[in-house]
Amino acid sequence: MSIVNVFKEQLDLERMLERVKIDLSLRTDFNLIDAFRVFDQDGKGWISPNEIKEGLQLFNVFAQPEDIAFFMKRYDKDDDGKLRYSEFCDAFLPID
């Protein structure tokens, strides 16, 4: 696979992710604060990788540790191992 194809595939995936974020933001039965509280059950204002794992399990989603690590690497902007609410929002809000 050429580098051009890799970049094209990456762009296609980013576009698809953006469309999903837009669709999610338009749903009337979804809000970010409630979604965040599923993971931040102690009300600390941040969530750990383990809390992400436990929160997903409530919905019968069993993520692999490397998937959670990738998610954290992408959205934990200050790289402190904690996902703050603003960082969590970045994961789900569309760019536009």
PDB file of N, CA and C in Angstrom:
ATOM      1  N   MET A   1       0.852  -1.179   0.000  1.00  0.00           N
ATOM      2  CA  MET A   1       0.000   0.000   0.000  1.00  0.00           C
ATOM      3  C   MET A   1       0.893   1.236   0.000  1.00  0.00           C
ATOM      4  N   SER A   2       0.620   2.145  -0.906  1.00  0.00           N
ATOM      5  CA  SER A   2       1.440   3.348  -1.011  1.00  0.00           C
ATOM      6  C   SER A   2       1.064   4.349   0.085  1.00  0.00           C
ATOM      7  N   ILE A   3       1.951   5.282   0.317  1.00  0.00           N
ATOM      8  CA  ILE A   3       1.725   6.314   1.325  1.00  0.00           C
ATOM      9  C   ILE A   3       0.508   7.160   0.964  1.00  0.00           C
ATOM     10  N   VAL A   4       0.291   7.379  -0.326  1.00  0.00           N
ATOM     11  CA  VAL A   4      -0.874   8.141  -0.772  1.00  0.00           C
ATOM     12  C   VAL A   4      -2.158   7.411  -0.386  1.00  0.00           C
ATOM     13  N   ASN A   5      -2.172   6.106  -0.571  1.00  0.00           N
ATOM     14  CA  ASN A   5      -3.354   5.320  -0.191  1.00  0.00           C
ATOM     15  C   ASN A   5      -3.582   5.325   1.308  1.00  0.00           C
ATOM     16  N   VAL A   6      -2.508   5.295   2.073  1.00  0.00           N
ATOM     17  CA  VAL A   6      -2.625   5.355   3.532  1.00  0.00           C
ATOM     18  C   VAL A   6      -3.247   6.686   3.950  1.00  0.00           C
ATOM     19  N   PHE A   7      -2.773   7.779   3.368  1.00  0.00           N
ATOM     20  CA  PHE A   7      -3.339   9.097   3.683  1.00  0.00           C
ATOM     21  C   PHE A   7      -4.798   9.200   3.257  1.00  0.00           C
ATOM     22  N   LYS A   8      -5.114   8.645   2.101  1.00  0.00           N
ATOM     23  CA  LYS A   8      -6.497   8.655   1.627  1.00  0.00           C
ATOM     24  C   LYS A   8      -7.397   7.872   2.578  1.00  0.00           C
ATOM     25  N   GLU A   9      -6.940   6.715   2.997  1.00  0.00           N
ATOM     26  CA  GLU A   9      -7.723   5.913   3.937  1.00  0.00           C
ATOM     27  C   GLU A   9      -7.914   6.660   5.261  1.00  0.00           C
ATOM     28  N   GLN A  10      -6.867   7.321   5.736  1.00  0.00           N
ATOM     29  CA  GLN A  10      -6.953   8.098   6.972  1.00  0.00           C
ATOM     30  C   GLN A  10      -7.975   9.221   6.829  1.00  0.00           C
ATOM     31  N   LEU A  11      -7.942   9.927   5.722  1.00  0.00           N
ATOM     32  CA  LEU A  11      -8.908  11.005   5.488  1.00  0.00           C
ATOM     33  C   LEU A  11     -10.335  10.475   5.426  1.00  0.00           C
ATOM     34  N   ASP A  12     -10.508   9.341   4.762  1.00  0.00           N
ATOM     35  CA  ASP A  12     -11.847   8.732   4.693  1.00  0.00           C
ATOM     36  C   ASP A  12     -12.359   8.378   6.086  1.00  0.00           C
ATOM     37  N   LEU A  13     -11.495   7.832   6.917  1.00  0.00           N
ATOM     38  CA  LEU A  13     -11.890   7.476   8.278  1.00  0.00           C
ATOM     39  C   LEU A  13     -12.222   8.722   9.103  1.00  0.00           C
ATOM     40  N   GLU A  14     -11.434   9.773   8.933  1.00  0.00           N
ATOM     41  CA  GLU A  14     -11.701  11.022   9.652  1.00  0.00           C
ATOM     42  C   GLU A  14     -13.038  11.625   9.225  1.00  0.00           C
ATOM     43  N   ARG A  15     -13.338  11.578   7.947  1.00  0.00           N
ATOM     44  CA  ARG A  15     -14.630  12.081   7.460  1.00  0.00           C
ATOM     45  C   ARG A  15     -15.788  11.271   8.035  1.00  0.00           C
ATOM     46  N   MET A  16     -15.633   9.959   8.065  1.00  0.00           N
ATOM     47  CA  MET A  16     -16.678   9.098   8.609  1.00  0.00           C
ATOM     48  C   MET A  16     -16.880   9.388  10.098  1.00  0.00           C
ATOM     49  N   LEU A  17     -15.786   9.559  10.833  1.00  0.00           N
ATOM     50  CA  LEU A  17     -15.882   9.881  12.254  1.00  0.00           C
ATOM     51  C   LEU A  17     -16.600  11.209  12.454  1.00  0.00           C
ATOM     52  N   GLU A  18     -16.299  12.180  11.629  1.00  0.00           N
ATOM     53  CA  GLU A  18     -16.945  13.485  11.737  1.00  0.00           C
ATOM     54  C   GLU A  18     -18.452  13.379  11.465  1.00  0.00           C
ATOM     55  N   ARG A  19     -18.830  12.571  10.485  1.00  0.00           N
ATOM     56  CA  ARG A  19     -20.263  12.368  10.201  1.00  0.00           C
ATOM     57  C   ARG A  19     -20.974  11.720  11.385  1.00  0.00           C
ATOM     58  N   VAL A  20     -20.323  10.758  12.019  1.00  0.00           N
ATOM     59  CA  VAL A  20     -20.911  10.099  13.194  1.00  0.00           C
ATOM     60  C   VAL A  20     -21.057  11.104  14.335  1.00  0.00           C
ATOM     61  N   LYS A  21     -20.055  11.952  14.532  1.00  0.00           N
ATOM     62  CA  LYS A  21     -20.135  12.976  15.577  1.00  0.00           C
ATOM     63  C   LYS A  21     -21.286  13.946  15.310  1.00  0.00           C
ATOM     64  N   ILE A  22     -21.461  14.341  14.062  1.00  0.00           N
ATOM     65  CA  ILE A  22     -22.564  15.239  13.708  1.00  0.00           C
ATOM     66  C   ILE A  22     -23.902  14.567  13.991  1.00  0.00           C
ATOM     67  N   ASP A  23     -24.038  13.319  13.574  1.00  0.00           N
ATOM     68  CA  ASP A  23     -25.285  12.587  13.829  1.00  0.00           C
ATOM     69  C   ASP A  23     -25.570  12.487  15.327  1.00  0.00           C
ATOM     70  N   LEU A  24     -24.542  12.191  16.103  1.00  0.00           N
ATOM     71  CA  LEU A  24     -24.706  12.080  17.550  1.00  0.00           C
ATOM     72  C   LEU A  24     -25.112  13.415  18.162  1.00  0.00           C
ATOM     73  N   SER A  25     -24.511  14.499  17.698  1.00  0.00           N
ATOM     74  CA  SER A  25     -24.819  15.818  18.261  1.00  0.00           C
ATOM     75  C   SER A  25     -26.252  16.260  17.958  1.00  0.00           C
ATOM     76  N   LEU A  26     -26.843  15.708  16.918  1.00  0.00           N
ATOM     77  CA  LEU A  26     -28.211  16.068  16.540  1.00  0.00           C
ATOM     78  C   LEU A  26     -29.272  15.220  17.241  1.00  0.00           C
ATOM     79  N   ARG A  27     -28.854  14.200  17.936  1.00  0.00           N
ATOM     80  CA  ARG A  27     -29.818  13.339  18.626  1.00  0.00           C
ATOM     81  C   ARG A  27     -30.370  14.061  19.851  1.00  0.00           C
ATOM     82  N   THR A  28     -31.668  14.013  20.019  1.00  0.00           N
ATOM     83  CA  THR A  28     -32.293  14.669  21.172  1.00  0.00           C
ATOM     84  C   THR A  28     -32.185  13.825  22.436  1.00  0.00           C
ATOM     85  N   ASP A  29     -31.875  12.546  22.292  1.00  0.00           N
ATOM     86  CA  ASP A  29     -31.801  11.660  23.452  1.00  0.00           C
ATOM     87  C   ASP A  29     -30.364  11.471  23.959  1.00  0.00           C
ATOM     88  N   PHE A  30     -29.456  12.349  23.558  1.00  0.00           N
ATOM     89  CA  PHE A  30     -28.057  12.237  23.970  1.00  0.00           C
ATOM     90  C   PHE A  30     -27.547  13.591  24.421  1.00  0.00           C
ATOM     91  N   ASN A  31     -26.878  13.608  25.572  1.00  0.00           N
ATOM     92  CA  ASN A  31     -26.156  14.815  25.966  1.00  0.00           C
ATOM     93  C   ASN A  31     -24.838  14.404  26.614  1.00  0.00           C
ATOM     94  N   LEU A  32     -23.854  15.227  26.429  1.00  0.00           N
ATOM     95  CA  LEU A  32     -22.499  14.881  26.833  1.00  0.00           C
ATOM     96  C   LEU A  32     -22.311  14.811  28.339  1.00  0.00           C
ATOM     97  N   ILE A  33     -22.961  15.665  29.072  1.00  0.00           N
ATOM     98  CA  ILE A  33     -22.758  15.652  30.524  1.00  0.00           C
ATOM     99  C   ILE A  33     -23.250  14.339  31.125  1.00  0.00           C
ATOM    100  N   ASP A  34     -24.391  13.850  30.668  1.00  0.00           N
ATOM    101  CA  ASP A  34     -24.881  12.565  31.171  1.00  0.00           C
ATOM    102  C   ASP A  34     -23.974  11.421  30.725  1.00  0.00           C
ATOM    103  N   ALA A  35     -23.495  11.496  29.500  1.00  0.00           N
ATOM    104  CA  ALA A  35     -22.574  10.465  29.011  1.00  0.00           C
ATOM    105  C   ALA A  35     -21.295  10.470  29.850  1.00  0.00           C
ATOM    106  N   PHE A  36     -20.777  11.650  30.149  1.00  0.00           N
ATOM    107  CA  PHE A  36     -19.564  11.742  30.959  1.00  0.00           C
ATOM    108  C   PHE A  36     -19.792  11.177  32.356  1.00  0.00           C
ATOM    109  N   ARG A  37     -20.946  11.430  32.914  1.00  0.00           N
ATOM    110  CA  ARG A  37     -21.252  10.946  34.265  1.00  0.00           C
ATOM    111  C   ARG A  37     -21.336   9.424  34.352  1.00  0.00           C
ATOM    112  N   VAL A  38     -21.628   8.776  33.227  1.00  0.00           N
ATOM    113  CA  VAL A  38     -21.607   7.310  33.216  1.00  0.00           C
ATOM    114  C   VAL A  38     -20.221   6.820  33.623  1.00  0.00           C
ATOM    115  N   PHE A  39     -19.192   7.526  33.171  1.00  0.00           N
ATOM    116  CA  PHE A  39     -17.813   7.136  33.448  1.00  0.00           C
ATOM    117  C   PHE A  39     -17.278   7.770  34.731  1.00  0.00           C
ATOM    118  N   ASP A  40     -17.644   9.006  34.993  1.00  0.00           N
ATOM    119  CA  ASP A  40     -17.173   9.740  36.179  1.00  0.00           C
ATOM    120  C   ASP A  40     -18.228   9.631  37.287  1.00  0.00           C
ATOM    121  N   GLN A  41     -18.392   8.445  37.811  1.00  0.00           N
ATOM    122  CA  GLN A  41     -19.439   8.217  38.797  1.00  0.00           C
ATOM    123  C   GLN A  41     -19.120   8.858  40.143  1.00  0.00           C
ATOM    124  N   ASP A  42     -17.849   9.198  40.387  1.00  0.00           N
ATOM    125  CA  ASP A  42     -17.456   9.857  41.639  1.00  0.00           C
ATOM    126  C   ASP A  42     -17.565  11.378  41.557  1.00  0.00           C
ATOM    127  N   GLY A  43     -17.809  11.917  40.356  1.00  0.00           N
ATOM    128  CA  GLY A  43     -17.938  13.359  40.182  1.00  0.00           C
ATOM    129  C   GLY A  43     -16.636  14.121  40.312  1.00  0.00           C
ATOM    130  N   LYS A  44     -15.515  13.499  39.959  1.00  0.00           N
ATOM    131  CA  LYS A  44     -14.204  14.132  40.085  1.00  0.00           C
ATOM    132  C   LYS A  44     -13.936  15.170  38.994  1.00  0.00           C
ATOM    133  N   GLY A  45     -14.623  15.021  37.862  1.00  0.00           N
ATOM    134  CA  GLY A  45     -14.376  15.920  36.742  1.00  0.00           C
ATOM    135  C   GLY A  45     -13.400  15.358  35.730  1.00  0.00           C
ATOM    136  N   TRP A  46     -12.959  14.137  35.946  1.00  0.00           N
ATOM    137  CA  TRP A  46     -12.073  13.464  35.001  1.00  0.00           C
ATOM    138  C   TRP A  46     -12.304  11.961  35.101  1.00  0.00           C
ATOM    139  N   ILE A  47     -11.887  11.252  34.051  1.00  0.00           N
ATOM    140  CA  ILE A  47     -12.037   9.800  34.054  1.00  0.00           C
ATOM    141  C   ILE A  47     -10.710   9.146  33.677  1.00  0.00           C
ATOM    142  N   SER A  48     -10.492   7.986  34.248  1.00  0.00           N
ATOM    143  CA  SER A  48      -9.279   7.217  33.992  1.00  0.00           C
ATOM    144  C   SER A  48      -9.544   6.167  32.922  1.00  0.00           C
ATOM    145  N   PRO A  49      -8.495   5.581  32.380  1.00  0.00           N
ATOM    146  CA  PRO A  49      -8.695   4.489  31.428  1.00  0.00           C
ATOM    147  C   PRO A  49      -9.528   3.347  32.023  1.00  0.00           C
ATOM    148  N   ASN A  50      -9.319   3.035  33.284  1.00  0.00           N
ATOM    149  CA  ASN A  50     -10.087   1.969  33.927  1.00  0.00           C
ATOM    150  C   ASN A  50     -11.569   2.344  34.030  1.00  0.00           C
ATOM    151  N   GLU A  51     -11.864   3.611  34.288  1.00  0.00           N
ATOM    152  CA  GLU A  51     -13.263   4.046  34.346  1.00  0.00           C
ATOM    153  C   GLU A  51     -13.914   3.987  32.967  1.00  0.00           C
ATOM    154  N   ILE A  52     -13.133   4.239  31.931  1.00  0.00           N
ATOM    155  CA  ILE A  52     -13.666   4.084  30.578  1.00  0.00           C
ATOM    156  C   ILE A  52     -14.029   2.623  30.350  1.00  0.00           C
ATOM    157  N   LYS A  53     -13.133   1.747  30.720  1.00  0.00           N
ATOM    158  CA  LYS A  53     -13.383   0.306  30.567  1.00  0.00           C
ATOM    159  C   LYS A  53     -14.639  -0.108  31.321  1.00  0.00           C
ATOM    160  N   GLU A  54     -14.748   0.313  32.578  1.00  0.00           N
ATOM    161  CA  GLU A  54     -15.909  -0.061  33.400  1.00  0.00           C
ATOM    162  C   GLU A  54     -17.201   0.546  32.863  1.00  0.00           C
ATOM    163  N   GLY A  55     -17.153   1.794  32.400  1.00  0.00           N
ATOM    164  CA  GLY A  55     -18.339   2.436  31.856  1.00  0.00           C
ATOM    165  C   GLY A  55     -18.821   1.759  30.589  1.00  0.00           C
ATOM    166  N   LEU A  56     -17.893   1.374  29.732  1.00  0.00           N
ATOM    167  CA  LEU A  56     -18.267   0.679  28.505  1.00  0.00           C
ATOM    168  C   LEU A  56     -18.895  -0.678  28.806  1.00  0.00           C
ATOM    169  N   GLN A  57     -18.383  -1.336  29.841  1.00  0.00           N
ATOM    170  CA  GLN A  57     -18.921  -2.643  30.210  1.00  0.00           C
ATOM    171  C   GLN A  57     -20.379  -2.551  30.649  1.00  0.00           C
ATOM    172  N   LEU A  58     -20.791  -1.407  31.171  1.00  0.00           N
ATOM    173  CA  LEU A  58     -22.205  -1.223  31.539  1.00  0.00           C
ATOM    174  C   LEU A  58     -23.110  -1.372  30.317  1.00  0.00           C
ATOM    175  N   PHE A  59     -22.553  -1.119  29.134  1.00  0.00           N
ATOM    176  CA  PHE A  59     -23.299  -1.221  27.878  1.00  0.00           C
ATOM    177  C   PHE A  59     -22.909  -2.475  27.093  1.00  0.00           C
ATOM    178  N   ASN A  60     -22.291  -3.419  27.806  1.00  0.00           N
ATOM    179  CA  ASN A  60     -21.825  -4.667  27.186  1.00  0.00           C
ATOM    180  C   ASN A  60     -20.846  -4.434  26.048  1.00  0.00           C
ATOM    181  N   VAL A  61     -20.020  -3.409  26.209  1.00  0.00           N
ATOM    182  CA  VAL A  61     -18.932  -3.143  25.267  1.00  0.00           C
ATOM    183  C   VAL A  61     -17.644  -3.461  26.012  1.00  0.00           C
ATOM    184  N   PHE A  62     -16.900  -4.413  25.485  1.00  0.00           N
ATOM    185  CA  PHE A  62     -15.696  -4.873  26.151  1.00  0.00           C
ATOM    186  C   PHE A  62     -14.481  -4.515  25.305  1.00  0.00           C
ATOM    187  N   ALA A  63     -13.987  -3.313  25.530  1.00  0.00           N
ATOM    188  CA  ALA A  63     -12.868  -2.774  24.754  1.00  0.00           C
ATOM    189  C   ALA A  63     -11.563  -3.417  25.198  1.00  0.00           C
ATOM    190  N   GLN A  64     -10.691  -3.578  24.244  1.00  0.00           N
ATOM    191  CA  GLN A  64      -9.353  -4.080  24.530  1.00  0.00           C
ATOM    192  C   GLN A  64      -8.527  -2.957  25.155  1.00  0.00           C
ATOM    193  N   PRO A  65      -7.587  -3.295  26.039  1.00  0.00           N
ATOM    194  CA  PRO A  65      -6.747  -2.257  26.658  1.00  0.00           C
ATOM    195  C   PRO A  65      -6.046  -1.359  25.639  1.00  0.00           C
ATOM    196  N   GLU A  66      -5.620  -1.927  24.520  1.00  0.00           N
ATOM    197  CA  GLU A  66      -4.935  -1.105  23.518  1.00  0.00           C
ATOM    198  C   GLU A  66      -5.894  -0.127  22.842  1.00  0.00           C
ATOM    199  N   ASP A  67      -7.172  -0.482  22.752  1.00  0.00           N
ATOM    200  CA  ASP A  67      -8.159   0.440  22.187  1.00  0.00           C
ATOM    201  C   ASP A  67      -8.381   1.624  23.123  1.00  0.00           C
ATOM    202  N   ILE A  68      -8.469   1.353  24.407  1.00  0.00           N
ATOM    203  CA  ILE A  68      -8.637   2.426  25.400  1.00  0.00           C
ATOM    204  C   ILE A  68      -7.380   3.299  25.428  1.00  0.00           C
ATOM    205  N   ALA A  69      -6.220   2.674  25.349  1.00  0.00           N
ATOM    206  CA  ALA A  69      -4.964   3.431  25.328  1.00  0.00           C
ATOM    207  C   ALA A  69      -4.900   4.344  24.102  1.00  0.00           C
ATOM    208  N   PHE A  70      -5.350   3.856  22.953  1.00  0.00           N
ATOM    209  CA  PHE A  70      -5.358   4.665  21.739  1.00  0.00           C
ATOM    210  C   PHE A  70      -6.316   5.848  21.894  1.00  0.00           C
ATOM    211  N   PHE A  71      -7.506   5.591  22.450  1.00  0.00           N
ATOM    212  CA  PHE A  71      -8.487   6.648  22.689  1.00  0.00           C
ATOM    213  C   PHE A  71      -7.891   7.720  23.606  1.00  0.00           C
ATOM    214  N   MET A  72      -7.242   7.286  24.680  1.00  0.00           N
ATOM    215  CA  MET A  72      -6.623   8.234  25.617  1.00  0.00           C
ATOM    216  C   MET A  72      -5.513   9.028  24.922  1.00  0.00           C
ATOM    217  N   LYS A  73      -4.710   8.362  24.142  1.00  0.00           N
ATOM    218  CA  LYS A  73      -3.609   9.049  23.463  1.00  0.00           C
ATOM    219  C   LYS A  73      -4.143  10.128  22.521  1.00  0.00           C
ATOM    220  N   ARG A  74      -5.256   9.829  21.886  1.00  0.00           N
ATOM    221  CA  ARG A  74      -5.829  10.792  20.938  1.00  0.00           C
ATOM    222  C   ARG A  74      -6.480  11.991  21.626  1.00  0.00           C
ATOM    223  N   TYR A  75      -7.183  11.767  22.734  1.00  0.00           N
ATOM    224  CA  TYR A  75      -7.996  12.833  23.317  1.00  0.00           C
ATOM    225  C   TYR A  75      -7.468  13.408  24.628  1.00  0.00           C
ATOM    226  N   ASP A  76      -6.539  12.756  25.288  1.00  0.00           N
ATOM    227  CA  ASP A  76      -5.947  13.290  26.520  1.00  0.00           C
ATOM    228  C   ASP A  76      -4.886  14.309  26.125  1.00  0.00           C
ATOM    229  N   LYS A  77      -5.322  15.540  25.893  1.00  0.00           N
ATOM    230  CA  LYS A  77      -4.457  16.580  25.316  1.00  0.00           C
ATOM    231  C   LYS A  77      -3.253  16.927  26.187  1.00  0.00           C
ATOM    232  N   ASP A  78      -3.416  16.910  27.502  1.00  0.00           N
ATOM    233  CA  ASP A  78      -2.287  17.255  28.357  1.00  0.00           C
ATOM    234  C   ASP A  78      -1.502  16.023  28.799  1.00  0.00           C
ATOM    235  N   ASP A  79      -1.893  14.856  28.299  1.00  0.00           N
ATOM    236  CA  ASP A  79      -1.164  13.605  28.518  1.00  0.00           C
ATOM    237  C   ASP A  79      -0.925  13.318  30.006  1.00  0.00           C
ATOM    238  N   ASP A  80      -1.976  13.571  30.813  1.00  0.00           N
ATOM    239  CA  ASP A  80      -1.839  13.319  32.246  1.00  0.00           C
ATOM    240  C   ASP A  80      -2.493  12.002  32.678  1.00  0.00           C
ATOM    241  N   GLY A  81      -2.978  11.236  31.710  1.00  0.00           N
ATOM    242  CA  GLY A  81      -3.599   9.958  32.030  1.00  0.00           C
ATOM    243  C   GLY A  81      -5.027  10.078  32.520  1.00  0.00           C
ATOM    244  N   LYS A  82      -5.569  11.302  32.459  1.00  0.00           N
ATOM    245  CA  LYS A  82      -6.941  11.569  32.880  1.00  0.00           C
ATOM    246  C   LYS A  82      -7.656  12.280  31.741  1.00  0.00           C
ATOM    247  N   LEU A  83      -8.877  11.885  31.500  1.00  0.00           N
ATOM    248  CA  LEU A  83      -9.667  12.536  30.466  1.00  0.00           C
ATOM    249  C   LEU A  83     -10.643  13.484  31.146  1.00  0.00           C
ATOM    250  N   ARG A  84     -10.383  14.766  31.035  1.00  0.00           N
ATOM    251  CA  ARG A  84     -11.257  15.777  31.619  1.00  0.00           C
ATOM    252  C   ARG A  84     -12.505  15.928  30.749  1.00  0.00           C
ATOM    253  N   TYR A  85     -13.514  16.586  31.292  1.00  0.00           N
ATOM    254  CA  TYR A  85     -14.775  16.738  30.561  1.00  0.00           C
ATOM    255  C   TYR A  85     -14.555  17.421  29.210  1.00  0.00           C
ATOM    256  N   SER A  86     -13.740  18.458  29.177  1.00  0.00           N
ATOM    257  CA  SER A  86     -13.506  19.162  27.910  1.00  0.00           C
ATOM    258  C   SER A  86     -12.844  18.242  26.882  1.00  0.00           C
ATOM    259  N   GLU A  87     -11.945  17.391  27.324  1.00  0.00           N
ATOM    260  CA  GLU A  87     -11.299  16.437  26.420  1.00  0.00           C
ATOM    261  C   GLU A  87     -12.304  15.377  25.955  1.00  0.00           C
ATOM    262  N   PHE A  88     -13.169  14.957  26.871  1.00  0.00           N
ATOM    263  CA  PHE A  88     -14.229  14.003  26.545  1.00  0.00           C
ATOM    264  C   PHE A  88     -15.139  14.595  25.471  1.00  0.00           C
ATOM    265  N   CYS A  89     -15.468  15.869  25.612  1.00  0.00           N
ATOM    266  CA  CYS A  89     -16.317  16.543  24.621  1.00  0.00           C
ATOM    267  C   CYS A  89     -15.646  16.557  23.257  1.00  0.00           C
ATOM    268  N   ASP A  90     -14.343  16.765  23.225  1.00  0.00           N
ATOM    269  CA  ASP A  90     -13.619  16.765  21.944  1.00  0.00           C
ATOM    270  C   ASP A  90     -13.788  15.434  21.205  1.00  0.00           C
ATOM    271  N   ALA A  91     -13.942  14.366  21.961  1.00  0.00           N
ATOM    272  CA  ALA A  91     -14.091  13.051  21.349  1.00  0.00           C
ATOM    273  C   ALA A  91     -15.449  12.883  20.667  1.00  0.00           C
ATOM    274  N   PHE A  92     -16.434  13.657  21.102  1.00  0.00           N
ATOM    275  CA  PHE A  92     -17.801  13.438  20.620  1.00  0.00           C
ATOM    276  C   PHE A  92     -18.434  14.621  19.882  1.00  0.00           C
ATOM    277  N   LEU A  93     -17.871  15.793  20.008  1.00  0.00           N
ATOM    278  CA  LEU A  93     -18.423  16.951  19.314  1.00  0.00           C
ATOM    279  C   LEU A  93     -17.790  17.109  17.939  1.00  0.00           C
ATOM    280  N   PRO A  94     -18.593  17.426  16.948  1.00  0.00           N
ATOM    281  CA  PRO A  94     -18.030  17.634  15.603  1.00  0.00           C
ATOM    282  C   PRO A  94     -17.150  18.883  15.569  1.00  0.00           C
ATOM    283  N   ILE A  95     -16.238  18.899  14.647  1.00  0.00           N
ATOM    284  CA  ILE A  95     -15.342  20.051  14.487  1.00  0.00           C
ATOM    285  C   ILE A  95     -16.125  21.265  14.025  1.00  0.00           C
ATOM    286  N   ASP A  96     -17.037  21.072  13.080  1.00  0.00           N
ATOM    287  CA  ASP A  96     -17.839  22.177  12.533  1.00  0.00           C
ATOM    288  C   ASP A  96     -19.038  22.472  13.395  1.00  0.00           C
TER     289      ASP A  96
END
